[in-house]
Protein backbone atom coordinates (compact mmCIF):
# COMPACT_ATOMS: atom_id res chain seq x y z
CA UNK A 1 -0.77 -43.82 -24.87
CA UNK A 2 -0.52 -41.80 -22.54
CA UNK A 3 -1.04 -37.90 -21.94
CA UNK A 4 1.59 -35.55 -20.55
CA UNK A 5 -1.00 -33.28 -18.60
CA UNK A 6 -1.42 -36.69 -16.95
CA UNK A 7 1.85 -37.63 -15.90
CA UNK A 8 2.11 -34.02 -14.74
CA UNK A 9 -0.67 -34.87 -12.19
CA UNK A 10 0.96 -37.87 -10.72
CA UNK A 11 4.22 -36.07 -10.53
CA UNK A 12 2.35 -33.01 -8.67
CA UNK A 13 1.23 -35.72 -6.05
CA UNK A 14 4.54 -36.57 -5.92
CA UNK A 15 6.43 -33.17 -5.49
CA UNK A 16 3.48 -32.03 -2.97
CA UNK A 17 4.78 -34.48 -0.52
CA UNK A 18 7.96 -33.73 -0.69
CA UNK A 19 7.47 -29.98 0.47
CA UNK A 20 6.94 -30.45 3.91
CA UNK A 21 6.83 -27.04 4.64
CA UNK A 22 3.74 -26.14 2.43
CA UNK A 23 5.40 -23.61 0.97
CA UNK A 24 5.72 -24.85 -2.85
CA UNK A 25 9.47 -25.45 -2.84
CA UNK A 26 11.46 -28.87 -2.31
CA UNK A 27 15.05 -29.35 -1.27
CA UNK A 28 17.30 -30.10 -4.51
CA UNK A 29 18.82 -33.46 -3.05
CA UNK A 30 15.14 -34.38 -3.09
CA UNK A 31 14.73 -33.23 -6.66
CA UNK A 32 17.34 -35.28 -7.21
CA UNK A 33 15.73 -37.97 -6.34
CA UNK A 34 12.60 -37.65 -7.69
CA UNK A 35 13.92 -36.85 -10.63
CA UNK A 36 16.59 -40.07 -10.89
CA UNK A 37 13.48 -42.03 -9.95
CA UNK A 38 11.13 -40.57 -12.91
CA UNK A 39 14.00 -41.31 -15.63
CA UNK A 40 14.12 -44.45 -14.52
CA UNK A 41 10.31 -45.48 -14.65
CA UNK A 42 10.59 -43.61 -18.13
CA UNK A 43 13.57 -45.39 -19.38
CA UNK A 44 15.29 -41.87 -19.98
CA UNK A 45 18.61 -41.80 -19.60
CA UNK A 46 19.31 -39.88 -16.32
CA UNK A 47 21.62 -36.46 -16.66
CA UNK A 48 22.56 -35.41 -12.91
CA UNK A 49 24.77 -32.54 -14.71
CA UNK A 50 22.00 -31.08 -16.48
CA UNK A 51 19.82 -30.60 -13.28
CA UNK A 52 23.30 -28.83 -12.09
CA UNK A 53 23.38 -26.60 -14.65
CA UNK A 54 19.15 -25.72 -14.49
CA UNK A 55 19.64 -24.90 -10.84
CA UNK A 56 23.15 -23.34 -10.90
CA UNK A 57 22.08 -20.01 -9.70
CA UNK A 58 19.96 -21.52 -6.33
CA UNK A 59 22.58 -24.25 -5.10
CA UNK A 60 21.33 -24.13 -1.92
CA UNK A 61 18.10 -23.62 -0.20
CA UNK A 62 14.44 -25.34 -1.50
CA UNK A 63 13.83 -24.62 -4.95
CA UNK A 64 10.02 -24.40 -6.80
CA UNK A 65 7.85 -26.20 -8.21
CA UNK A 66 7.94 -23.17 -10.85
CA UNK A 67 11.88 -23.33 -11.28
CA UNK A 68 11.69 -27.36 -11.51
CA UNK A 69 8.73 -27.85 -13.61
CA UNK A 70 10.85 -26.54 -16.93
CA UNK A 71 13.63 -28.85 -16.26
CA UNK A 72 10.88 -31.42 -15.87
CA UNK A 73 9.60 -30.72 -19.18
CA UNK A 74 12.98 -30.23 -21.41
CA UNK A 75 14.99 -33.04 -19.51
CA UNK A 76 12.49 -35.70 -18.73
CA UNK A 77 9.25 -35.71 -20.12
CA UNK A 78 10.47 -34.41 -24.18
CA UNK A 79 12.59 -36.95 -23.88
CA UNK A 80 9.64 -39.78 -23.15
CA UNK A 81 8.41 -42.43 -25.00
CA UNK A 82 5.64 -44.42 -25.44
CA UNK A 83 7.35 -47.91 -24.48
CA UNK A 84 7.64 -47.29 -21.11
CA UNK A 85 4.71 -48.84 -18.43
CA UNK A 86 2.46 -45.66 -17.55
CA UNK A 87 1.16 -48.05 -14.33
CA UNK A 88 4.54 -48.81 -13.03
CA UNK A 89 5.21 -44.83 -13.06
CA UNK A 90 2.07 -43.73 -11.26
CA UNK A 91 2.94 -46.64 -8.81
CA UNK A 92 5.92 -44.99 -7.78
CA UNK A 93 4.34 -41.14 -7.86
CA UNK A 94 1.73 -42.87 -5.27
CA UNK A 95 4.57 -44.54 -2.85
CA UNK A 96 6.20 -41.52 -2.38
CA UNK A 97 3.21 -39.62 -1.19
CA UNK A 98 0.68 -41.67 0.19
CA UNK A 99 1.68 -42.57 3.47
CA UNK A 100 2.45 -38.99 4.21
CA UNK A 101 -1.33 -37.84 3.19
CA UNK A 102 -3.92 -41.27 4.16
CA UNK A 103 -3.55 -44.46 6.62
CA UNK A 104 -6.02 -47.11 5.07
CA UNK A 105 -6.21 -49.74 7.64
CA UNK A 106 -9.48 -48.24 9.61
CA UNK A 107 -10.75 -48.14 5.26
CA UNK A 108 -12.46 -51.14 3.71
CA UNK A 109 -9.88 -50.88 1.32
CA UNK A 110 -6.68 -52.05 0.73
CA UNK A 111 -3.49 -50.20 -0.26
CA UNK A 112 -3.93 -51.52 -3.90
CA UNK A 113 -7.40 -50.32 -3.95
CA UNK A 114 -6.54 -46.72 -2.61
CA UNK A 115 -3.85 -46.93 -5.01
CA UNK A 116 -6.30 -47.90 -7.91
CA UNK A 117 -8.71 -44.74 -6.99
CA UNK A 118 -5.87 -41.96 -7.12
CA UNK A 119 -5.38 -42.93 -10.34
CA UNK A 120 -9.00 -42.75 -11.10
CA UNK A 121 -8.78 -39.66 -9.17
CA UNK A 122 -6.09 -38.44 -11.26
CA UNK A 123 -7.69 -39.56 -14.32
CA UNK A 124 -11.14 -37.49 -13.78
CA UNK A 125 -9.55 -34.26 -11.54
CA UNK A 126 -10.09 -30.96 -13.22
CA UNK A 127 -6.52 -29.87 -15.10
CA UNK A 128 -5.91 -27.40 -12.57
CA UNK A 129 -3.79 -26.98 -9.56
CA UNK A 130 -4.20 -27.90 -6.56
CA UNK A 131 -5.78 -31.31 -8.19
CA UNK A 132 -9.68 -31.21 -7.25
CA UNK A 133 -12.48 -33.54 -8.59
CA UNK A 134 -15.75 -31.61 -8.84
CA UNK A 135 -19.12 -33.29 -7.80
CA UNK A 136 -20.48 -34.25 -11.29
CA UNK A 137 -17.00 -36.67 -11.61
CA UNK A 138 -17.61 -37.64 -8.06
CA UNK A 139 -21.49 -38.94 -9.24
CA UNK A 140 -20.24 -40.62 -12.35
CA UNK A 141 -17.09 -42.70 -10.48
CA UNK A 142 -19.58 -43.60 -7.79
CA UNK A 143 -22.38 -44.58 -10.50
CA UNK A 144 -19.83 -46.52 -12.09
CA UNK A 145 -18.68 -48.40 -9.04
CA UNK A 146 -21.90 -49.13 -7.67
CA UNK A 147 -22.62 -50.98 -11.23
CA UNK A 148 -19.71 -52.64 -11.29
CA UNK A 149 -20.46 -54.43 -7.76
CA UNK A 150 -24.16 -54.86 -9.55
CA UNK A 151 -25.80 -52.92 -6.94
CA UNK A 152 -28.36 -49.85 -7.49
CA UNK A 153 -27.72 -46.17 -7.59
CA UNK A 154 -29.43 -44.77 -4.83
CA UNK A 155 -30.14 -40.85 -5.91
CA UNK A 156 -31.30 -40.27 -2.11
CA UNK A 157 -28.13 -41.56 -0.62
CA UNK A 158 -26.07 -38.76 -3.10
CA UNK A 159 -28.09 -36.32 -2.09
CA UNK A 160 -28.15 -36.63 1.28
CA UNK A 161 -24.15 -36.63 0.99
CA UNK A 162 -24.02 -33.67 -1.20
CA UNK A 163 -25.95 -31.85 1.38
CA UNK A 164 -23.44 -33.11 4.16
CA UNK A 165 -20.82 -31.44 1.90
CA UNK A 166 -22.60 -28.14 2.12
CA UNK A 167 -20.66 -25.42 0.72
CA UNK A 168 -17.54 -27.81 -0.44
CA UNK A 169 -18.27 -29.25 -3.54
CA UNK A 170 -15.18 -30.65 -4.45
CA UNK A 171 -12.81 -33.04 -3.09
CA UNK A 172 -8.92 -33.75 -3.06
CA UNK A 173 -7.74 -37.43 -3.98
CA UNK A 174 -7.41 -38.52 -0.21
CA UNK A 175 -10.77 -37.28 0.50
CA UNK A 176 -12.14 -39.28 -2.08
CA UNK A 177 -10.09 -42.68 -1.22
CA UNK A 178 -11.61 -41.74 2.40
CA UNK A 179 -14.99 -41.68 1.11
CA UNK A 180 -14.89 -44.89 -0.63
CA UNK A 181 -12.84 -46.62 2.07
CA UNK A 182 -15.55 -45.67 4.18
CA UNK A 183 -18.24 -47.91 2.33
CA UNK A 184 -20.81 -45.19 2.38
CA UNK A 185 -21.89 -45.91 -0.72
CA UNK A 186 -21.46 -49.62 -0.72
CA UNK A 187 -23.48 -50.28 2.46
CA UNK A 188 -23.90 -54.12 2.40
CA UNK A 189 -20.90 -55.47 0.19
CA UNK A 190 -17.67 -56.98 1.14
CA UNK A 191 -14.57 -56.24 0.76
CA UNK A 192 -13.67 -58.33 -1.87
CA UNK A 193 -17.45 -57.16 -3.86
CA UNK A 194 -15.98 -53.81 -2.95
CA UNK A 195 -12.39 -54.48 -4.40
CA UNK A 196 -14.23 -55.91 -7.75
CA UNK A 197 -15.82 -52.70 -8.17
CA UNK A 198 -12.98 -50.78 -7.79
CA UNK A 199 -11.03 -53.21 -10.02
CA UNK A 200 -13.38 -53.03 -13.03
CA UNK A 201 -13.38 -49.12 -12.75
CA UNK A 202 -9.87 -48.76 -13.00
CA UNK A 203 -9.51 -51.28 -15.65
CA UNK A 204 -11.67 -49.44 -17.84
CA UNK A 205 -10.60 -45.89 -16.91
CA UNK A 206 -7.10 -46.00 -16.29
CA UNK A 207 -6.19 -49.41 -18.69
CA UNK A 208 -8.48 -48.49 -21.39
CA UNK A 209 -10.02 -52.26 -21.33
CA UNK A 210 -12.62 -52.47 -23.47
CA UNK A 211 -13.82 -55.59 -22.53
CA UNK A 212 -11.92 -58.48 -21.41
CA UNK A 213 -12.84 -62.48 -20.60
CA UNK A 214 -12.05 -65.71 -21.97
CA UNK A 215 -12.45 -67.30 -25.52
CA UNK A 216 -11.08 -69.90 -27.41
CA UNK A 217 -8.47 -69.20 -29.93
CA UNK A 218 -6.93 -71.10 -33.19
CA UNK A 219 -3.24 -71.12 -33.43
CA UNK A 220 -1.37 -70.30 -36.81
CA UNK A 221 0.80 -73.14 -36.82
CA UNK A 222 -0.77 -76.66 -35.09
CA UNK A 223 -4.37 -75.33 -35.36
CA UNK A 224 -5.75 -76.37 -32.39
CA UNK A 225 -7.88 -74.23 -29.99
CA UNK A 226 -6.57 -73.53 -26.43
CA UNK A 227 -8.25 -71.01 -24.03
CA UNK A 228 -6.58 -67.73 -23.65
CA UNK A 229 -7.90 -64.92 -21.32
CA UNK A 230 -7.93 -61.83 -23.84
CA UNK A 231 -8.26 -58.20 -22.84
CA UNK A 232 -9.58 -55.71 -25.35
CA UNK A 233 -7.94 -51.68 -25.26
CA UNK A 234 -8.29 -49.36 -28.10
CA UNK A 235 -5.44 -50.45 -30.24
CA UNK A 236 -4.14 -54.12 -29.18
CA UNK A 237 -5.91 -57.11 -28.07
CA UNK A 238 -3.89 -59.13 -26.17
CA UNK A 239 -4.31 -62.20 -24.95
CA UNK A 240 -2.67 -63.90 -22.00
CA UNK A 241 -2.85 -67.74 -20.75
CA UNK A 242 -4.91 -66.52 -17.46
CA UNK A 243 -6.87 -63.91 -16.31
CA UNK A 244 -3.72 -62.76 -13.79
CA UNK A 245 -2.27 -61.39 -16.72
CA UNK A 246 1.22 -62.63 -15.67
CA UNK A 247 2.24 -64.58 -19.21
CA UNK A 248 1.10 -62.84 -22.11
CA UNK A 249 1.36 -64.92 -25.08
CA UNK A 250 0.49 -62.10 -27.85
CA UNK A 251 -1.29 -59.22 -29.53
CA UNK A 252 -4.01 -58.34 -32.23
CA UNK A 253 -2.82 -54.69 -33.67
CA UNK A 254 -5.73 -53.59 -34.71
CA UNK A 255 -6.02 -50.87 -37.18
CA UNK A 256 -8.18 -48.80 -40.01
CA UNK A 257 -7.73 -52.01 -42.30
CA UNK A 258 -8.90 -54.63 -39.97
CA UNK A 259 -12.31 -56.13 -40.06
CA UNK A 260 -14.79 -58.57 -37.51
CA UNK A 261 -17.24 -61.17 -38.91
CA UNK A 262 -18.92 -63.84 -37.84
CA UNK A 263 -18.28 -67.72 -38.92
CA UNK A 264 -20.34 -70.46 -39.00
CA UNK A 265 -20.16 -73.88 -37.10
CA UNK A 266 -17.14 -75.93 -38.42
CA UNK A 267 -14.71 -78.35 -36.22
CA UNK A 268 -17.57 -78.97 -33.65
CA UNK A 269 -16.66 -75.24 -32.68
CA UNK A 270 -19.75 -72.69 -32.27
CA UNK A 271 -20.12 -68.93 -32.09
CA UNK A 272 -17.22 -68.50 -34.14
CA UNK A 273 -15.71 -64.64 -35.74
CA UNK A 274 -12.93 -63.93 -37.29
CA UNK A 275 -10.81 -60.66 -37.09
CA UNK A 276 -8.93 -59.96 -40.19
CA UNK A 277 -5.38 -58.00 -40.12
CA UNK A 278 -3.50 -56.85 -43.25
CA UNK A 279 -0.81 -59.73 -42.22
CA UNK A 280 -3.02 -62.55 -40.81
CA UNK A 281 -6.39 -63.31 -39.44
CA UNK A 282 -7.42 -64.67 -35.95
CA UNK A 283 -10.11 -67.08 -35.48
CA UNK A 284 -12.19 -66.60 -32.27
CA UNK A 285 -14.76 -68.92 -30.19
CA UNK A 286 -17.05 -67.93 -27.45
CA UNK A 287 -19.40 -70.03 -25.56
CA UNK A 288 -23.13 -68.06 -26.50
CA UNK A 289 -23.99 -65.74 -29.46
CA UNK A 290 -24.62 -62.90 -26.91
CA UNK A 291 -20.92 -62.80 -26.03
CA UNK A 292 -20.06 -63.01 -29.45
CA UNK A 293 -21.86 -59.86 -30.68
CA UNK A 294 -20.80 -58.50 -27.50
CA UNK A 295 -16.75 -58.97 -28.27
CA UNK A 296 -17.77 -57.87 -32.48
CA UNK A 297 -19.31 -55.00 -31.29
CA UNK A 298 -16.54 -54.09 -28.89
CA UNK A 299 -13.76 -54.29 -31.65
CA UNK A 300 -15.72 -52.49 -34.17
CA UNK A 301 -15.88 -49.56 -31.96
CA UNK A 302 -12.43 -49.86 -31.48
CA UNK A 303 -11.37 -49.97 -35.24
CA UNK A 304 -13.81 -47.22 -35.75
CA UNK A 305 -12.10 -45.25 -32.78
CA UNK A 306 -8.36 -45.70 -35.12
CA UNK A 307 -10.38 -44.77 -38.22
CA UNK A 308 -11.32 -41.49 -36.78
CA UNK A 309 -8.74 -40.46 -34.76
CA UNK A 310 -10.33 -40.34 -31.28
CA UNK A 311 -9.29 -41.49 -27.72
CA UNK A 312 -10.90 -43.80 -25.73
CA UNK A 313 -14.75 -43.41 -25.38
CA UNK A 314 -13.78 -42.70 -21.36
CA UNK A 315 -11.26 -39.68 -22.65
CA UNK A 316 -13.74 -38.43 -24.85
CA UNK A 317 -16.55 -38.73 -22.73
CA UNK A 318 -14.64 -37.57 -19.69
CA UNK A 319 -13.92 -34.28 -22.33
CA UNK A 320 -17.52 -33.88 -23.65
CA UNK A 321 -18.36 -33.86 -19.80
CA UNK A 322 -15.82 -30.92 -18.83
CA UNK A 323 -17.34 -28.93 -21.97
CA UNK A 324 -20.15 -29.51 -20.83
CA UNK A 325 -19.30 -28.08 -17.31
CA UNK A 326 -17.75 -25.35 -19.28
CA UNK A 327 -21.02 -24.13 -21.15
CA UNK A 328 -23.45 -24.78 -18.16
CA UNK A 329 -20.75 -22.37 -16.23
CA UNK A 330 -20.78 -19.88 -18.89
CA UNK A 331 -24.52 -20.18 -19.10
CA UNK A 332 -24.43 -19.61 -15.47
CA UNK A 333 -22.21 -16.24 -15.62
CA UNK A 334 -24.74 -15.02 -18.83
CA UNK A 335 -27.57 -15.47 -16.74
CA UNK A 336 -26.00 -13.69 -13.33
CA UNK A 337 -24.95 -11.14 -15.59
CA UNK A 338 -28.42 -10.87 -17.01
CA UNK A 339 -30.17 -10.86 -13.76
CA UNK A 340 -27.72 -8.53 -12.66
CA UNK A 341 -28.59 -6.15 -15.36
CA UNK A 342 -32.18 -6.33 -15.20
CA UNK A 343 -31.66 -6.08 -11.28
CA UNK A 344 -29.79 -2.81 -12.02
CA UNK A 345 -32.32 -1.70 -14.71
CA UNK A 346 -35.25 -2.25 -11.86
CA UNK A 347 -32.95 -0.77 -9.52
CA UNK A 348 -32.86 2.44 -11.70
CA UNK A 349 -36.60 2.16 -12.41
CA UNK A 350 -37.16 2.20 -8.78
CA UNK A 351 -34.68 5.10 -7.96
CA UNK A 352 -36.24 6.70 -10.84
CA UNK A 353 -39.89 6.60 -9.43
CA UNK A 354 -38.21 7.42 -5.75
CA UNK A 355 -36.78 10.50 -7.32
CA UNK A 356 -40.35 11.17 -8.98
CA UNK A 357 -42.38 10.60 -6.01
CA UNK A 358 -39.66 12.72 -4.49
CA UNK A 359 -40.12 15.59 -6.48
CA UNK A 360 -44.31 15.77 -6.39
CA UNK A 361 -43.61 15.58 -2.41
CA UNK A 362 -41.02 18.65 -2.76
CA UNK A 363 -43.41 20.44 -5.18
CA UNK A 364 -46.51 20.12 -2.99
CA UNK A 365 -44.13 20.90 0.16
CA UNK A 366 -43.00 24.34 -1.80
CA UNK A 367 -46.36 24.91 -2.92
CA UNK A 368 -47.43 25.23 0.75
CA UNK A 369 -44.46 27.16 2.10
CA UNK A 370 -45.18 29.66 -1.11
CA UNK A 371 -48.33 30.29 0.24
CA UNK A 372 -47.98 30.41 4.46
CA UNK A 373 -44.83 32.70 3.03
CA UNK A 374 -47.08 34.73 1.33
CA UNK A 375 -49.59 35.39 3.84
CA UNK A 376 -47.01 35.56 6.17
CA UNK A 377 -45.50 38.45 4.03
CA UNK A 378 -48.80 39.87 3.91
CA UNK A 379 -49.55 39.92 7.38
CA UNK A 380 -45.82 41.38 8.01
CA UNK A 381 -46.01 44.36 5.23
CA UNK A 382 -49.23 45.30 7.49
CA UNK A 383 -47.15 45.45 10.81
CA UNK A 384 -44.45 47.24 8.87
CA UNK A 385 -46.73 50.04 7.81
CA UNK A 386 -47.80 50.43 10.95
CA UNK A 387 -44.57 50.39 12.66
CA UNK A 388 -43.26 52.44 10.13
CA UNK A 389 -46.41 55.47 11.02
CA UNK A 390 -45.85 54.96 14.68
CA UNK A 391 -41.66 55.06 14.11
CA UNK A 392 -42.01 58.43 12.05
CA UNK A 393 -43.94 60.37 14.84
CA UNK A 394 -41.49 59.12 17.05
CA UNK A 395 -39.07 60.61 14.72
CA UNK A 396 -40.81 64.02 14.47
CA UNK A 397 -40.85 64.32 18.15
CA UNK A 398 -37.26 63.43 18.60
CA UNK A 399 -36.20 65.95 15.70
CA UNK A 400 -38.14 68.80 17.79
CA UNK A 401 -36.40 68.15 20.79
CA UNK A 402 -33.07 67.26 18.99
CA UNK A 403 -33.83 70.93 17.43
CA UNK A 404 -34.12 72.39 20.73
CA UNK A 405 -31.04 70.79 22.26
CA UNK A 406 -28.91 71.47 19.48
CA UNK A 407 -29.65 75.29 19.72
CA UNK A 408 -28.30 74.89 23.59
CA UNK A 409 -25.44 73.39 22.59
CA UNK A 410 -24.16 76.03 20.28
CA UNK A 411 -24.46 78.56 22.71
CA UNK A 412 -22.64 76.38 25.18
CA UNK A 413 -20.10 75.74 22.36
CA UNK A 414 -19.31 79.22 21.56
CA UNK A 415 -18.40 80.01 24.97
CA UNK A 416 -16.22 77.50 25.21
CA UNK A 417 -14.47 78.66 22.60
CA UNK A 418 -13.81 81.67 23.14
CA UNK A 419 -12.44 80.74 26.25
CA UNK A 420 -9.94 78.35 24.55
CA UNK A 421 -8.76 81.50 22.19
CA UNK A 422 -8.47 82.99 25.47
CA UNK A 423 -6.27 80.39 26.89
CA UNK A 424 -4.33 80.09 23.38
CA UNK A 425 -3.07 83.24 24.44
CA UNK A 426 -1.64 82.78 27.73
CA UNK A 427 0.00 79.46 26.17
CA UNK A 428 1.61 81.08 23.57
CA UNK A 429 3.23 83.72 26.41
CA UNK A 430 4.13 80.53 28.15
CA UNK A 431 5.93 78.56 24.67
CA UNK A 432 7.74 82.40 24.31
CA UNK A 433 9.25 82.40 27.55
CA UNK A 434 10.54 78.53 26.93
CA UNK A 435 12.34 79.48 23.69
CA UNK A 436 13.86 82.00 26.13
CA UNK A 437 14.89 79.92 28.45
CA UNK A 438 16.26 77.54 25.68
CA UNK A 439 18.25 79.81 24.55
CA UNK A 440 19.77 80.82 27.55
CA UNK A 441 20.71 77.12 28.07
CA UNK A 442 21.94 77.27 24.56
CA UNK A 443 24.45 80.02 25.80
CA UNK A 444 25.61 78.06 28.58
CA UNK A 445 26.37 74.47 26.50
CA UNK A 446 28.76 76.62 24.08
CA UNK A 447 30.47 78.54 27.14
CA UNK A 448 30.84 74.78 28.92
CA UNK A 449 32.75 73.33 25.97
CA UNK A 450 34.79 75.98 25.36
CA UNK A 451 35.97 75.29 28.91
CA UNK A 452 36.30 71.97 28.33
CA UNK A 453 38.72 72.40 24.68
CA UNK A 454 40.74 74.59 27.19
CA UNK A 455 40.72 71.85 29.34
CA UNK A 456 41.51 69.07 27.06
CA UNK A 457 44.58 71.14 26.18
CA UNK A 458 45.92 71.35 29.08
CA UNK A 459 45.57 68.29 29.81
CA UNK A 460 47.44 67.05 26.51
CA UNK A 461 50.35 69.24 27.69
CA UNK A 462 51.13 68.14 30.83
CA UNK A 463 50.73 64.38 29.03
CA UNK A 464 53.78 65.59 26.99
CA UNK A 465 55.54 67.48 29.56
CA UNK A 466 54.96 63.57 31.54
CA UNK A 467 55.95 61.60 28.40
CA UNK A 468 59.07 64.38 28.41
CA UNK A 469 60.56 64.18 31.84
CA UNK A 470 60.77 60.47 31.36
CA UNK A 471 62.55 60.10 28.51
CA UNK A 472 65.13 62.85 30.06
CA UNK A 473 65.31 60.32 33.47
CA UNK A 474 66.53 57.44 30.94
CA UNK A 475 69.31 59.87 29.62
CA UNK A 476 73.06 58.82 31.04
CA UNK A 477 74.85 59.76 34.25
CA UNK A 478 76.75 62.33 32.50
CA UNK A 479 74.12 64.39 32.16
CA UNK A 480 72.41 63.94 35.59
CA UNK A 481 72.89 67.43 36.94
CA UNK A 482 71.44 68.97 33.72
CA UNK A 483 68.76 66.72 33.96
CA UNK A 484 68.14 67.61 37.56
CA UNK A 485 68.13 71.58 36.37
CA UNK A 486 65.90 71.12 33.34
CA UNK A 487 63.39 69.13 35.45
CA UNK A 488 63.31 71.86 37.78
CA UNK A 489 62.50 73.73 35.38
CA UNK A 490 59.37 71.62 34.74
CA UNK A 491 58.45 70.93 37.46
CA UNK A 492 58.09 74.89 37.79
CA UNK A 493 56.28 74.98 34.55
CA UNK A 494 53.85 72.22 35.68
CA UNK A 495 53.01 74.01 38.92
CA UNK A 496 51.78 76.78 36.61
CA UNK A 497 49.95 74.52 34.68
CA UNK A 498 48.53 73.07 37.72
CA UNK A 499 47.79 76.50 39.07
CA UNK A 500 46.04 77.51 35.68
CA UNK A 501 44.00 74.28 35.60
CA UNK A 502 42.62 75.36 39.33
CA UNK A 503 41.46 78.52 37.83
CA UNK A 504 40.02 76.42 34.78
CA UNK A 505 38.00 74.28 37.27
CA UNK A 506 37.02 77.26 39.37
CA UNK A 507 35.72 78.62 35.77
CA UNK A 508 33.93 75.44 35.24
CA UNK A 509 32.32 75.21 38.54
CA UNK A 510 31.15 78.99 38.37
CA UNK A 511 29.74 77.99 34.66
CA UNK A 512 27.92 74.93 36.58
CA UNK A 513 26.40 77.12 38.95
CA UNK A 514 24.94 79.02 36.01
CA UNK A 515 23.64 75.87 34.09
CA UNK A 516 22.10 75.26 37.14
CA UNK A 517 20.12 78.48 37.45
CA UNK A 518 18.96 78.30 34.02
CA UNK A 519 18.23 75.07 34.40
CA UNK A 520 16.02 75.98 37.33
CA UNK A 521 14.39 78.68 34.90
CA UNK A 522 13.37 75.77 32.21
CA UNK A 523 11.99 73.76 35.12
CA UNK A 524 9.63 76.53 36.40
CA UNK A 525 8.85 77.47 32.50
CA UNK A 526 7.83 73.59 31.72
CA UNK A 527 6.11 73.83 34.67
CA UNK A 528 4.16 76.56 34.11
CA UNK A 529 3.43 74.85 30.42
CA UNK A 530 2.18 71.91 31.79
CA UNK A 531 -0.38 74.01 33.91
CA UNK A 532 -1.47 75.60 31.02
CA UNK A 533 -1.89 71.98 29.27
CA UNK A 534 -3.89 70.72 32.22
CA UNK A 535 -6.26 73.67 31.96
CA UNK A 536 -6.64 72.90 28.20
CA UNK A 537 -7.00 68.69 28.47
CA UNK A 538 -9.92 69.56 31.22
CA UNK A 539 -12.18 71.55 29.01
CA UNK A 540 -13.32 68.76 26.17
CA UNK A 541 -10.53 70.27 23.82
CA UNK A 542 -11.22 71.54 20.28
CA UNK A 543 -7.83 71.51 19.61
CA UNK A 544 -4.64 69.65 19.78
CA UNK A 545 -1.33 71.78 21.84
CA UNK A 546 1.93 71.67 20.04
CA UNK A 547 4.68 70.59 22.92
CA UNK A 548 7.96 70.76 22.72
CA UNK A 549 9.94 67.96 21.37
CA UNK A 550 11.42 65.16 24.04
CA UNK A 551 15.04 66.49 25.18
CA UNK A 552 18.07 64.82 23.84
CA UNK A 553 19.88 62.50 26.85
CA UNK A 554 22.46 64.74 28.18
CA UNK A 555 26.07 64.63 28.08
CA UNK A 556 28.06 64.11 31.73
CA UNK A 557 31.62 65.94 32.53
CA UNK A 558 33.70 65.70 35.36
CA UNK A 559 32.00 69.09 36.57
CA UNK A 560 28.76 68.26 35.25
CA UNK A 561 25.92 67.92 32.14
CA UNK A 562 28.07 69.26 28.89
CA UNK A 563 25.80 71.03 26.42
CA UNK A 564 27.14 69.96 23.49
CA UNK A 565 25.81 66.85 21.62
CA UNK A 566 27.74 63.17 20.64
CA UNK A 567 28.73 64.40 17.31
CA UNK A 568 30.81 67.85 18.28
CA UNK A 569 32.18 65.59 21.45
CA UNK A 570 33.90 63.14 18.99
CA UNK A 571 34.94 65.89 16.81
CA UNK A 572 37.07 67.76 19.64
CA UNK A 573 38.31 63.99 20.42
CA UNK A 574 39.66 63.42 17.47
CA UNK A 575 41.31 66.99 17.26
CA UNK A 576 42.68 66.54 20.89
CA UNK A 577 44.31 63.02 19.55
CA UNK A 578 45.98 64.72 16.47
CA UNK A 579 47.29 67.89 18.48
CA UNK A 580 48.83 65.29 21.27
CA UNK A 581 50.28 63.07 17.86
CA UNK A 582 51.85 66.49 16.49
CA UNK A 583 53.31 67.53 19.79
CA UNK A 584 54.80 63.72 20.42
CA UNK A 585 56.63 64.12 16.90
CA UNK A 586 57.68 67.59 17.61
CA UNK A 587 59.54 66.09 20.83
């Protein structure tokens, strides 16, 4: 009988050996070889198309263990039967992995013994990956090994070994093989004794052999007695020609209806017993009564296990040990949690006591500070009253001095007001002169604007005459004399216009001279105003003088500053352009 979990452990070793980069992935070609070998030893028809179809989305590159596991369960393990050789299956997986993980030449055990230790590791290891064996199972295996070698168990030596491990309380399969191979727990034993001990433990744990040995069996046909090597497993009692298990002669199938009984001596045979099955019975003989009792008890145990539907005692013991470890771990976790809670509660109590002590210290400090503050406050109040009395005396003296000073300042202030009123009247006269000068300046600006308008008109006429002259020159040769006559007339008119322009220019120069005279008057008035302003500023003035606004920028013409604004200039420019256009249209 085999379990899927135990098969998966062996397959995991093979898969890990193929994972050269230790990334949890194996190439597709290697998985094909592994799958073919598994199908061969498990007697399952190999279907390469199923593998290709399963990994059709990942045809290139390595394939992970998670991706191979569904294929393994569906197309191999689900199709496996109980009739294949599990030992051959384990040996195939061992062949793929052991050379890449351990070198047995320097050890006391052979490759065959290392394989048996590897199988025992898979049996005792935890059902989690990566596979490891805990210290309790290591102790169980070593105890079984020392018992099989008829050597006493050394608790002291195992305690020393656990100290060497320190924090590492779990071993891998290769570390377990190394531990057995170095002979640390088999000192004084030769290789053969160690190999026999490993084989006995392997037979019990892996092959589920309850008991084995030579017995005499009575034949069914010839009724003769023949010595056979018997091997008792959970559901069968197999017998072979000899103990090498090469030539198998038959099986006694055990079930719930079987029974085993001792028989009295007969036919010269002693220590007889019989196994009664549904179809036939088997008479057996051993050398002494002790062995007979051991065989009867072992066979009855197998029948009881079958009736209860239980597995072998070793498997049941393994499950009980795991369950005990889980309960112990749970108890340890619960204990740790309770300890943590108690520690947290203790720390909370300590914090509360510390807070209470700190509060008491703070209250005492506050009371001390309050007393010091009260005493200081009384001393400050006394000092403040004394300083207030002194300050009141000083304030009274200062107020008397300030009253005398304010009286003298009032006289000075009234005198200054009278002087400022006189200066204000003079300033009004200066401002009146300044307004008169500005009016004269405005009249000159208007005169200058009128002259500029006339100048523009004459210029427009000259331009029109010039245009007419150009048009006249473009007429035909036949009208040349008439044009020359007209040109003379036009020239005379042009000369008259030039003379008139000269007169206008002389008038403009006269207007400019008048403007300069007015500007000088305005400058004198401004200087006079500035002088009065300076006098007022020297007197700690109580009034802010009203000053004339800034002058706008003046327009400049060919004859000097103009007396008109930008808007007036734009209006005159537009009038001149309209007159020019009308003259051109009239021609």
